[in-house]
């Protein structure tokens, strides 16, 4: 708490430049599009990664870039590790009077990257015995995942980016919701087709991530570092968690002609719908926030 007290005694801008980005999940596509004629930006140096910060929006005072490169999500009885990095990017405006943050999506619309994650064992949940040599397990599991029973799961944003909720204070003090994501989980393979989802735009799976306690798991805000001008903040080793969200059943699996058969099958295999306490999401990675004017000045 000494760190938080020192930050509170500093300028309010310092505290408000933090944000809780991630990853879900992972966990992705964006519903809202970028302005059609938005001027492209090309920040340089230590700000180069903020090229899709919505700098054309005059309200944006801070940029966000987060890469989730670890963690997992469990829905029902199926756990999917986040093997492939997921990127969350955009910007936010801070209300100086209330301290509330308004999130804005990436300039090109790619706020949450569409990053498929292989589902271990595929649709049938077949995996190699753990007593096998590691090389043999990898060979067998890879063969299953590449076959017809292999399934990719992608966590996609199920609402406009402005629906993403942030609380930088909660991120710092490891209490309450730091990041709220409305998502849907996209399941794809040759059998399920391209329209099989858990959750939807009209009925998203809302995951309130915290760096504190959620159900039986605990997160962490990670280690913070700053550049000399205090215009760039990097948080490494942070962990956003949730063990309380509910998941609906799947829909659209196999398309209109066979979804009445495949939806119940997928639900039976995954153990969904599943209520609070039966699902878990953990995002681990690196988060960076930067002062938007500093990013503009680096171009």
C-alpha atoms as a PDB file:
ATOM      1  CA  UNK A   1       0.000   0.000   0.000  1.00  0.00           C
ATOM      2  CA  UNK A   2       2.996   2.332   0.346  1.00  0.00           C
ATOM      3  CA  UNK A   3       3.322   2.356  -3.422  1.00  0.00           C
ATOM      4  CA  UNK A   4      -0.370   3.215  -3.861  1.00  0.00           C
ATOM      5  CA  UNK A   5      -0.172   5.987  -1.243  1.00  0.00           C
ATOM      6  CA  UNK A   6       2.816   7.507  -3.035  1.00  0.00           C
ATOM      7  CA  UNK A   7       1.015   7.332  -6.352  1.00  0.00           C
ATOM      8  CA  UNK A   8      -2.076   8.969  -4.881  1.00  0.00           C
ATOM      9  CA  UNK A   9       0.024  11.835  -3.546  1.00  0.00           C
ATOM     10  CA  UNK A  10       1.500  12.287  -7.028  1.00  0.00           C
ATOM     11  CA  UNK A  11      -0.419  13.960  -9.785  1.00  0.00           C
ATOM     12  CA  UNK A  12      -3.737  12.344 -10.620  1.00  0.00           C
ATOM     13  CA  UNK A  13      -2.514  11.878 -14.170  1.00  0.00           C
ATOM     14  CA  UNK A  14       0.034   9.314 -12.986  1.00  0.00           C
ATOM     15  CA  UNK A  15      -2.546   7.040 -11.430  1.00  0.00           C
ATOM     16  CA  UNK A  16      -4.886   7.443 -14.347  1.00  0.00           C
ATOM     17  CA  UNK A  17      -2.368   6.455 -16.948  1.00  0.00           C
ATOM     18  CA  UNK A  18      -2.587   2.863 -15.879  1.00  0.00           C
ATOM     19  CA  UNK A  19      -5.034   0.521 -17.516  1.00  0.00           C
ATOM     20  CA  UNK A  20      -5.866  -3.125 -17.336  1.00  0.00           C
ATOM     21  CA  UNK A  21      -5.519  -4.651 -20.784  1.00  0.00           C
ATOM     22  CA  UNK A  22      -5.262  -8.348 -21.701  1.00  0.00           C
ATOM     23  CA  UNK A  23      -6.144 -11.251 -22.209  1.00  0.00           C
ATOM     24  CA  UNK A  24      -8.263 -13.560 -22.508  1.00  0.00           C
ATOM     25  CA  UNK A  25      -8.602 -15.685 -22.724  1.00  0.00           C
ATOM     26  CA  UNK A  26      -8.318 -15.337 -24.417  1.00  0.00           C
ATOM     27  CA  UNK A  27      -9.136 -14.662 -25.939  1.00  0.00           C
ATOM     28  CA  UNK A  28     -11.021 -12.083 -30.949  1.00  0.00           C
ATOM     29  CA  UNK A  29     -12.555  -9.513 -33.359  1.00  0.00           C
ATOM     30  CA  UNK A  30     -14.031  -6.053 -33.014  1.00  0.00           C
ATOM     31  CA  UNK A  31     -17.571  -5.068 -33.811  1.00  0.00           C
ATOM     32  CA  UNK A  32     -17.008  -1.337 -34.066  1.00  0.00           C
ATOM     33  CA  UNK A  33     -14.974  -0.117 -37.031  1.00  0.00           C
ATOM     34  CA  UNK A  34     -12.332   2.595 -37.231  1.00  0.00           C
ATOM     35  CA  UNK A  35     -13.155   5.936 -38.842  1.00  0.00           C
ATOM     36  CA  UNK A  36     -13.260   5.475 -42.611  1.00  0.00           C
ATOM     37  CA  UNK A  37     -10.864   8.313 -43.397  1.00  0.00           C
ATOM     38  CA  UNK A  38      -8.747   8.252 -40.258  1.00  0.00           C
ATOM     39  CA  UNK A  39      -5.282   9.673 -40.697  1.00  0.00           C
ATOM     40  CA  UNK A  40      -2.670   6.921 -40.191  1.00  0.00           C
ATOM     41  CA  UNK A  41      -0.139   7.387 -37.408  1.00  0.00           C
ATOM     42  CA  UNK A  42       3.428   6.136 -37.217  1.00  0.00           C
ATOM     43  CA  UNK A  43       4.888   6.670 -33.737  1.00  0.00           C
ATOM     44  CA  UNK A  44       8.548   5.839 -33.337  1.00  0.00           C
ATOM     45  CA  UNK A  45      11.092   4.762 -30.747  1.00  0.00           C
ATOM     46  CA  UNK A  46       9.721   3.512 -27.463  1.00  0.00           C
ATOM     47  CA  UNK A  47       6.192   4.382 -28.659  1.00  0.00           C
ATOM     48  CA  UNK A  48       6.300   2.443 -31.954  1.00  0.00           C
ATOM     49  CA  UNK A  49       3.889  -0.251 -30.713  1.00  0.00           C
ATOM     50  CA  UNK A  50       1.101   2.339 -30.303  1.00  0.00           C
ATOM     51  CA  UNK A  51       0.530   2.746 -34.052  1.00  0.00           C
ATOM     52  CA  UNK A  52      -3.149   1.775 -33.716  1.00  0.00           C
ATOM     53  CA  UNK A  53      -3.891   4.047 -30.773  1.00  0.00           C
ATOM     54  CA  UNK A  54      -6.967   6.133 -31.776  1.00  0.00           C
ATOM     55  CA  UNK A  55      -4.987   9.378 -31.862  1.00  0.00           C
ATOM     56  CA  UNK A  56      -7.470  10.975 -34.279  1.00  0.00           C
ATOM     57  CA  UNK A  57      -9.927  11.033 -31.396  1.00  0.00           C
ATOM     58  CA  UNK A  58      -9.187  14.263 -29.535  1.00  0.00           C
ATOM     59  CA  UNK A  59     -10.649  12.818 -26.313  1.00  0.00           C
ATOM     60  CA  UNK A  60      -8.011  10.090 -26.092  1.00  0.00           C
ATOM     61  CA  UNK A  61      -5.370  11.096 -23.558  1.00  0.00           C
ATOM     62  CA  UNK A  62      -3.665   7.721 -23.099  1.00  0.00           C
ATOM     63  CA  UNK A  63      -2.785   4.779 -25.347  1.00  0.00           C
ATOM     64  CA  UNK A  64      -2.946   1.088 -24.427  1.00  0.00           C
ATOM     65  CA  UNK A  65      -0.993  -1.864 -25.794  1.00  0.00           C
ATOM     66  CA  UNK A  66      -1.171  -5.254 -24.109  1.00  0.00           C
ATOM     67  CA  UNK A  67       0.077  -8.683 -25.138  1.00  0.00           C
ATOM     68  CA  UNK A  68      -1.284 -11.745 -23.344  1.00  0.00           C
ATOM     69  CA  UNK A  69       1.240 -14.544 -23.812  1.00  0.00           C
ATOM     70  CA  UNK A  70       0.166 -16.899 -21.058  1.00  0.00           C
ATOM     71  CA  UNK A  71      -2.773 -18.089 -19.034  1.00  0.00           C
ATOM     72  CA  UNK A  72      -5.830 -20.155 -19.924  1.00  0.00           C
ATOM     73  CA  UNK A  73      -9.598 -20.237 -19.944  1.00  0.00           C
ATOM     74  CA  UNK A  74     -11.874 -22.994 -18.734  1.00  0.00           C
ATOM     75  CA  UNK A  75     -15.468 -23.253 -19.915  1.00  0.00           C
ATOM     76  CA  UNK A  76     -17.449 -26.080 -18.397  1.00  0.00           C
ATOM     77  CA  UNK A  77     -15.115 -29.076 -18.306  1.00  0.00           C
ATOM     78  CA  UNK A  78     -12.728 -27.984 -21.078  1.00  0.00           C
ATOM     79  CA  UNK A  79      -9.531 -25.991 -20.422  1.00  0.00           C
ATOM     80  CA  UNK A  80      -7.767 -24.177 -23.259  1.00  0.00           C
ATOM     81  CA  UNK A  81      -4.235 -22.801 -22.622  1.00  0.00           C
ATOM     82  CA  UNK A  82      -3.366 -19.533 -24.319  1.00  0.00           C
ATOM     83  CA  UNK A  83      -0.455 -20.717 -26.459  1.00  0.00           C
ATOM     84  CA  UNK A  84      -0.666 -17.969 -29.086  1.00  0.00           C
ATOM     85  CA  UNK A  85      -0.226 -14.284 -28.077  1.00  0.00           C
ATOM     86  CA  UNK A  86      -3.379 -12.150 -27.926  1.00  0.00           C
ATOM     87  CA  UNK A  87      -3.148  -8.380 -28.392  1.00  0.00           C
ATOM     88  CA  UNK A  88      -5.459  -5.770 -26.893  1.00  0.00           C
ATOM     89  CA  UNK A  89      -4.920  -2.195 -28.049  1.00  0.00           C
ATOM     90  CA  UNK A  90      -6.667   1.145 -28.117  1.00  0.00           C
ATOM     91  CA  UNK A  91      -6.832   4.231 -25.955  1.00  0.00           C
ATOM     92  CA  UNK A  92      -8.860   5.839 -23.198  1.00  0.00           C
ATOM     93  CA  UNK A  93     -10.061   9.146 -21.877  1.00  0.00           C
ATOM     94  CA  UNK A  94      -9.924   9.983 -18.184  1.00  0.00           C
ATOM     95  CA  UNK A  95     -12.672  12.024 -16.555  1.00  0.00           C
ATOM     96  CA  UNK A  96     -10.632  14.241 -14.234  1.00  0.00           C
ATOM     97  CA  UNK A  97     -13.585  14.857 -11.906  1.00  0.00           C
ATOM     98  CA  UNK A  98     -14.854  11.305 -11.461  1.00  0.00           C
ATOM     99  CA  UNK A  99     -11.744   9.319 -12.321  1.00  0.00           C
ATOM    100  CA  UNK A 100     -13.813   7.137 -14.684  1.00  0.00           C
ATOM    101  CA  UNK A 101     -12.187   5.849 -17.864  1.00  0.00           C
ATOM    102  CA  UNK A 102     -13.768   5.618 -21.302  1.00  0.00           C
ATOM    103  CA  UNK A 103     -12.136   3.055 -23.570  1.00  0.00           C
ATOM    104  CA  UNK A 104     -11.833   3.550 -27.337  1.00  0.00           C
ATOM    105  CA  UNK A 105     -10.911   0.842 -29.818  1.00  0.00           C
ATOM    106  CA  UNK A 106      -7.865   0.588 -32.065  1.00  0.00           C
ATOM    107  CA  UNK A 107      -7.724   2.983 -34.993  1.00  0.00           C
ATOM    108  CA  UNK A 108      -7.870   0.147 -37.534  1.00  0.00           C
ATOM    109  CA  UNK A 109     -10.653  -1.657 -35.642  1.00  0.00           C
ATOM    110  CA  UNK A 110      -8.412  -4.525 -34.536  1.00  0.00           C
ATOM    111  CA  UNK A 111      -8.875  -3.884 -30.826  1.00  0.00           C
ATOM    112  CA  UNK A 112      -8.685  -7.526 -29.743  1.00  0.00           C
ATOM    113  CA  UNK A 113      -6.660  -9.736 -32.071  1.00  0.00           C
ATOM    114  CA  UNK A 114      -8.299 -12.765 -33.652  1.00  0.00           C
ATOM    115  CA  UNK A 115      -5.954 -15.380 -32.262  1.00  0.00           C
ATOM    116  CA  UNK A 116      -7.147 -19.009 -32.466  1.00  0.00           C
ATOM    117  CA  UNK A 117      -6.087 -21.322 -29.658  1.00  0.00           C
ATOM    118  CA  UNK A 118      -5.981 -25.114 -30.233  1.00  0.00           C
ATOM    119  CA  UNK A 119      -8.331 -26.995 -27.929  1.00  0.00           C
ATOM    120  CA  UNK A 120      -6.366 -29.865 -26.308  1.00  0.00           C
ATOM    121  CA  UNK A 121      -7.720 -33.196 -27.484  1.00  0.00           C
ATOM    122  CA  UNK A 122     -10.051 -31.514 -29.944  1.00  0.00           C
ATOM    123  CA  UNK A 123     -13.787 -32.021 -29.902  1.00  0.00           C
ATOM    124  CA  UNK A 124     -13.625 -35.516 -28.425  1.00  0.00           C
ATOM    125  CA  UNK A 125     -11.156 -34.622 -25.683  1.00  0.00           C
ATOM    126  CA  UNK A 126      -8.700 -37.366 -26.609  1.00  0.00           C
ATOM    127  CA  UNK A 127      -5.168 -36.748 -25.332  1.00  0.00           C
ATOM    128  CA  UNK A 128      -2.048 -38.856 -24.999  1.00  0.00           C
ATOM    129  CA  UNK A 129      -1.412 -40.567 -21.638  1.00  0.00           C
ATOM    130  CA  UNK A 130       0.711 -38.405 -19.353  1.00  0.00           C
ATOM    131  CA  UNK A 131       3.125 -41.294 -18.718  1.00  0.00           C
ATOM    132  CA  UNK A 132       4.174 -41.243 -22.385  1.00  0.00           C
ATOM    133  CA  UNK A 133       7.474 -39.503 -23.243  1.00  0.00           C
ATOM    134  CA  UNK A 134       6.968 -35.775 -23.900  1.00  0.00           C
ATOM    135  CA  UNK A 135       7.874 -36.092 -27.579  1.00  0.00           C
ATOM    136  CA  UNK A 136       5.300 -38.847 -28.032  1.00  0.00           C
ATOM    137  CA  UNK A 137       2.594 -36.812 -26.280  1.00  0.00           C
ATOM    138  CA  UNK A 138       3.300 -33.808 -28.522  1.00  0.00           C
ATOM    139  CA  UNK A 139       3.214 -35.976 -31.657  1.00  0.00           C
ATOM    140  CA  UNK A 140      -0.055 -37.702 -30.735  1.00  0.00           C
ATOM    141  CA  UNK A 141      -1.855 -34.572 -29.521  1.00  0.00           C
ATOM    142  CA  UNK A 142      -0.731 -32.635 -32.592  1.00  0.00           C
ATOM    143  CA  UNK A 143      -2.122 -35.340 -34.866  1.00  0.00           C
ATOM    144  CA  UNK A 144      -5.473 -35.203 -33.087  1.00  0.00           C
ATOM    145  CA  UNK A 145      -5.651 -31.397 -33.212  1.00  0.00           C
ATOM    146  CA  UNK A 146      -4.926 -31.366 -36.945  1.00  0.00           C
ATOM    147  CA  UNK A 147      -7.595 -33.943 -37.724  1.00  0.00           C
ATOM    148  CA  UNK A 148     -11.356 -33.572 -38.032  1.00  0.00           C
ATOM    149  CA  UNK A 149     -11.792 -33.661 -34.265  1.00  0.00           C
ATOM    150  CA  UNK A 150      -9.343 -30.792 -33.809  1.00  0.00           C
ATOM    151  CA  UNK A 151     -10.975 -27.538 -32.698  1.00  0.00           C
ATOM    152  CA  UNK A 152      -9.727 -23.959 -32.518  1.00  0.00           C
ATOM    153  CA  UNK A 153     -11.226 -21.616 -29.924  1.00  0.00           C
ATOM    154  CA  UNK A 154     -11.014 -17.848 -30.327  1.00  0.00           C
ATOM    155  CA  UNK A 155     -12.264 -15.347 -27.783  1.00  0.00           C
ATOM    156  CA  UNK A 156     -13.773 -12.423 -29.703  1.00  0.00           C
ATOM    157  CA  UNK A 157     -15.093  -9.075 -28.581  1.00  0.00           C
ATOM    158  CA  UNK A 158     -18.908  -9.260 -28.639  1.00  0.00           C
ATOM    159  CA  UNK A 159     -19.687  -5.552 -28.300  1.00  0.00           C
ATOM    160  CA  UNK A 160     -18.250  -2.184 -29.371  1.00  0.00           C
ATOM    161  CA  UNK A 161     -14.871  -1.378 -27.860  1.00  0.00           C
ATOM    162  CA  UNK A 162     -16.474   1.427 -25.857  1.00  0.00           C
ATOM    163  CA  UNK A 163     -18.208  -1.314 -23.846  1.00  0.00           C
ATOM    164  CA  UNK A 164     -14.888  -2.426 -22.367  1.00  0.00           C
ATOM    165  CA  UNK A 165     -14.738  -1.394 -18.728  1.00  0.00           C
ATOM    166  CA  UNK A 166     -11.583  -0.193 -16.974  1.00  0.00           C
ATOM    167  CA  UNK A 167     -10.614   0.753 -13.435  1.00  0.00           C
ATOM    168  CA  UNK A 168      -6.967   1.694 -13.036  1.00  0.00           C
ATOM    169  CA  UNK A 169      -7.297   2.107  -9.288  1.00  0.00           C
ATOM    170  CA  UNK A 170      -8.671  -1.424  -8.901  1.00  0.00           C
ATOM    171  CA  UNK A 171      -5.775  -2.693 -10.989  1.00  0.00           C
ATOM    172  CA  UNK A 172      -3.274  -1.067  -8.644  1.00  0.00           C
ATOM    173  CA  UNK A 173      -4.809  -1.991  -5.309  1.00  0.00           C
ATOM    174  CA  UNK A 174      -5.741  -5.530  -6.452  1.00  0.00           C
ATOM    175  CA  UNK A 175      -9.408  -5.168  -5.567  1.00  0.00           C
ATOM    176  CA  UNK A 176     -12.600  -5.130  -7.602  1.00  0.00           C
ATOM    177  CA  UNK A 177     -12.941  -5.267 -11.381  1.00  0.00           C
ATOM    178  CA  UNK A 178      -9.920  -3.945 -13.295  1.00  0.00           C
ATOM    179  CA  UNK A 179     -11.056  -4.978 -16.785  1.00  0.00           C
ATOM    180  CA  UNK A 180     -14.512  -5.986 -17.986  1.00  0.00           C
ATOM    181  CA  UNK A 181     -14.697  -7.729 -21.365  1.00  0.00           C
ATOM    182  CA  UNK A 182     -17.927  -8.671 -23.213  1.00  0.00           C
ATOM    183  CA  UNK A 183     -16.890 -11.632 -25.373  1.00  0.00           C
ATOM    184  CA  UNK A 184     -18.047 -14.654 -27.334  1.00  0.00           C
ATOM    185  CA  UNK A 185     -16.041 -17.841 -27.847  1.00  0.00           C
ATOM    186  CA  UNK A 186     -15.736 -18.955 -31.462  1.00  0.00           C
ATOM    187  CA  UNK A 187     -15.325 -22.717 -32.014  1.00  0.00           C
ATOM    188  CA  UNK A 188     -14.146 -23.821 -35.456  1.00  0.00           C
ATOM    189  CA  UNK A 189     -13.275 -27.004 -37.310  1.00  0.00           C
ATOM    190  CA  UNK A 190     -14.379 -28.863 -40.441  1.00  0.00           C
ATOM    191  CA  UNK A 191     -17.442 -30.251 -38.669  1.00  0.00           C
ATOM    192  CA  UNK A 192     -18.554 -27.247 -36.630  1.00  0.00           C
ATOM    193  CA  UNK A 193     -18.128 -24.780 -39.482  1.00  0.00           C
ATOM    194  CA  UNK A 194     -17.540 -21.063 -38.948  1.00  0.00           C
ATOM    195  CA  UNK A 195     -20.658 -20.033 -37.023  1.00  0.00           C
ATOM    196  CA  UNK A 196     -20.381 -22.028 -33.802  1.00  0.00           C
ATOM    197  CA  UNK A 197     -20.250 -19.704 -30.790  1.00  0.00           C
ATOM    198  CA  UNK A 198     -20.557 -19.741 -27.030  1.00  0.00           C
ATOM    199  CA  UNK A 199     -22.169 -16.369 -26.357  1.00  0.00           C
ATOM    200  CA  UNK A 200     -23.179 -13.798 -28.953  1.00  0.00           C
ATOM    201  CA  UNK A 201     -23.357 -10.082 -29.645  1.00  0.00           C
ATOM    202  CA  UNK A 202     -26.833  -9.992 -28.101  1.00  0.00           C
ATOM    203  CA  UNK A 203     -25.908 -12.290 -25.200  1.00  0.00           C
ATOM    204  CA  UNK A 204     -22.167 -11.826 -24.534  1.00  0.00           C
ATOM    205  CA  UNK A 205     -20.135 -13.644 -21.929  1.00  0.00           C
ATOM    206  CA  UNK A 206     -19.116 -10.778 -19.645  1.00  0.00           C
ATOM    207  CA  UNK A 207     -15.839 -11.486 -17.832  1.00  0.00           C
ATOM    208  CA  UNK A 208     -14.966  -9.073 -14.977  1.00  0.00           C
ATOM    209  CA  UNK A 209     -11.215  -9.545 -14.591  1.00  0.00           C
ATOM    210  CA  UNK A 210      -9.434  -8.594 -11.392  1.00  0.00           C
ATOM    211  CA  UNK A 211      -5.868  -8.499 -10.117  1.00  0.00           C
ATOM    212  CA  UNK A 212      -7.285  -9.463  -6.727  1.00  0.00           C
ATOM    213  CA  UNK A 213      -9.367 -12.396  -5.537  1.00  0.00           C
ATOM    214  CA  UNK A 214     -12.011 -14.022  -7.746  1.00  0.00           C
ATOM    215  CA  UNK A 215     -13.569 -17.197  -6.452  1.00  0.00           C
ATOM    216  CA  UNK A 216     -10.750 -19.631  -5.708  1.00  0.00           C
ATOM    217  CA  UNK A 217      -7.980 -17.799  -7.587  1.00  0.00           C
ATOM    218  CA  UNK A 218      -5.963 -14.628  -7.036  1.00  0.00           C
ATOM    219  CA  UNK A 219      -4.407 -12.289  -9.583  1.00  0.00           C
ATOM    220  CA  UNK A 220      -1.519  -9.822  -9.393  1.00  0.00           C
ATOM    221  CA  UNK A 221      -0.819  -6.318 -10.711  1.00  0.00           C
ATOM    222  CA  UNK A 222       2.753  -7.302 -11.647  1.00  0.00           C
ATOM    223  CA  UNK A 223       5.927  -5.213 -11.665  1.00  0.00           C
ATOM    224  CA  UNK A 224       5.837  -1.591 -12.855  1.00  0.00           C
ATOM    225  CA  UNK A 225       8.529   0.433 -14.594  1.00  0.00           C
ATOM    226  CA  UNK A 226       8.554   3.901 -16.181  1.00  0.00           C
ATOM    227  CA  UNK A 227      10.534   5.863 -18.747  1.00  0.00           C
ATOM    228  CA  UNK A 228      12.404   8.992 -17.616  1.00  0.00           C
ATOM    229  CA  UNK A 229       9.616  11.362 -18.637  1.00  0.00           C
ATOM    230  CA  UNK A 230       6.948   9.214 -16.949  1.00  0.00           C
ATOM    231  CA  UNK A 231       5.048   9.128 -20.247  1.00  0.00           C
ATOM    232  CA  UNK A 232       5.375   5.365 -20.734  1.00  0.00           C
ATOM    233  CA  UNK A 233       4.460   2.770 -18.133  1.00  0.00           C
ATOM    234  CA  UNK A 234       5.212  -0.945 -18.493  1.00  0.00           C
ATOM    235  CA  UNK A 235       3.660  -3.639 -16.313  1.00  0.00           C
ATOM    236  CA  UNK A 236       5.226  -7.093 -16.532  1.00  0.00           C
ATOM    237  CA  UNK A 237       4.154 -10.283 -14.823  1.00  0.00           C
ATOM    238  CA  UNK A 238       0.599  -9.099 -14.185  1.00  0.00           C
ATOM    239  CA  UNK A 239      -2.199 -11.631 -13.877  1.00  0.00           C
ATOM    240  CA  UNK A 240      -5.876 -10.865 -14.485  1.00  0.00           C
ATOM    241  CA  UNK A 241      -8.279 -13.548 -13.277  1.00  0.00           C
ATOM    242  CA  UNK A 242     -11.948 -14.448 -13.007  1.00  0.00           C
ATOM    243  CA  UNK A 243     -13.641 -17.516 -11.543  1.00  0.00           C
ATOM    244  CA  UNK A 244     -17.221 -16.252 -11.355  1.00  0.00           C
ATOM    245  CA  UNK A 245     -18.522 -15.726 -14.901  1.00  0.00           C
ATOM    246  CA  UNK A 246     -21.288 -17.901 -16.382  1.00  0.00           C
ATOM    247  CA  UNK A 247     -21.201 -19.474 -19.851  1.00  0.00           C
ATOM    248  CA  UNK A 248     -24.269 -20.192 -22.026  1.00  0.00           C
ATOM    249  CA  UNK A 249     -24.658 -23.126 -24.363  1.00  0.00           C
ATOM    250  CA  UNK A 250     -23.260 -23.187 -27.884  1.00  0.00           C
ATOM    251  CA  UNK A 251     -25.277 -22.161 -30.932  1.00  0.00           C
ATOM    252  CA  UNK A 252     -24.879 -22.195 -34.710  1.00  0.00           C
ATOM    253  CA  UNK A 253     -22.639 -25.280 -34.762  1.00  0.00           C
ATOM    254  CA  UNK A 254     -22.555 -26.914 -38.190  1.00  0.00           C
ATOM    255  CA  UNK A 255     -24.864 -24.365 -39.764  1.00  0.00           C
ATOM    256  CA  UNK A 256     -28.631 -24.119 -40.095  1.00  0.00           C
ATOM    257  CA  UNK A 257     -29.210 -27.684 -41.308  1.00  0.00           C
ATOM    258  CA  UNK A 258     -27.475 -29.576 -38.515  1.00  0.00           C
ATOM    259  CA  UNK A 259     -27.104 -27.176 -35.587  1.00  0.00           C
ATOM    260  CA  UNK A 260     -30.093 -28.797 -33.874  1.00  0.00           C
ATOM    261  CA  UNK A 261     -27.938 -31.936 -33.723  1.00  0.00           C
ATOM    262  CA  UNK A 262     -24.508 -30.454 -33.116  1.00  0.00           C
ATOM    263  CA  UNK A 263     -25.397 -27.770 -30.566  1.00  0.00           C
ATOM    264  CA  UNK A 264     -26.563 -30.341 -27.960  1.00  0.00           C
ATOM    265  CA  UNK A 265     -23.552 -32.538 -28.739  1.00  0.00           C
ATOM    266  CA  UNK A 266     -21.078 -29.704 -28.215  1.00  0.00           C
ATOM    267  CA  UNK A 267     -22.882 -28.665 -25.018  1.00  0.00           C
ATOM    268  CA  UNK A 268     -22.690 -32.237 -23.726  1.00  0.00           C
ATOM    269  CA  UNK A 269     -18.981 -32.576 -24.512  1.00  0.00           C
ATOM    270  CA  UNK A 270     -18.050 -29.204 -22.994  1.00  0.00           C
ATOM    271  CA  UNK A 271     -20.441 -29.345 -20.039  1.00  0.00           C
ATOM    272  CA  UNK A 272     -22.265 -26.105 -20.869  1.00  0.00           C
ATOM    273  CA  UNK A 273     -24.288 -24.100 -20.010  1.00  0.00           C
ATOM    274  CA  UNK A 274     -22.198 -23.697 -16.858  1.00  0.00           C
ATOM    275  CA  UNK A 275     -22.792 -21.334 -13.956  1.00  0.00           C
ATOM    276  CA  UNK A 276     -20.603 -19.160 -11.772  1.00  0.00           C
ATOM    277  CA  UNK A 277     -17.683 -21.042 -10.250  1.00  0.00           C
ATOM    278  CA  UNK A 278     -17.504 -23.560 -13.107  1.00  0.00           C
ATOM    279  CA  UNK A 279     -15.568 -21.322 -15.492  1.00  0.00           C
ATOM    280  CA  UNK A 280     -12.179 -19.631 -15.194  1.00  0.00           C
ATOM    281  CA  UNK A 281     -10.163 -17.130 -17.211  1.00  0.00           C
ATOM    282  CA  UNK A 282      -6.537 -16.187 -16.501  1.00  0.00           C
ATOM    283  CA  UNK A 283      -4.551 -13.678 -18.563  1.00  0.00           C
ATOM    284  CA  UNK A 284      -0.792 -13.202 -18.129  1.00  0.00           C
ATOM    285  CA  UNK A 285       1.488 -10.910 -20.088  1.00  0.00           C
ATOM    286  CA  UNK A 286       2.810  -7.390 -20.579  1.00  0.00           C
ATOM    287  CA  UNK A 287       0.784  -4.176 -20.501  1.00  0.00           C
ATOM    288  CA  UNK A 288       1.961  -0.751 -21.622  1.00  0.00           C
ATOM    289  CA  UNK A 289       0.206   2.606 -21.411  1.00  0.00           C
ATOM    290  CA  UNK A 290       1.521   5.871 -22.808  1.00  0.00           C
ATOM    291  CA  UNK A 291       0.592   9.532 -22.762  1.00  0.00           C
ATOM    292  CA  UNK A 292      -1.174  10.178 -26.080  1.00  0.00           C
ATOM    293  CA  UNK A 293       0.550  13.536 -26.652  1.00  0.00           C
ATOM    294  CA  UNK A 294       3.940  11.883 -26.195  1.00  0.00           C
ATOM    295  CA  UNK A 295       2.958   9.234 -28.743  1.00  0.00           C
ATOM    296  CA  UNK A 296       1.878  11.956 -31.205  1.00  0.00           C
ATOM    297  CA  UNK A 297       5.110  13.863 -30.656  1.00  0.00           C
ATOM    298  CA  UNK A 298       7.196  10.801 -31.509  1.00  0.00           C
ATOM    299  CA  UNK A 299       5.894  10.635 -35.094  1.00  0.00           C
END
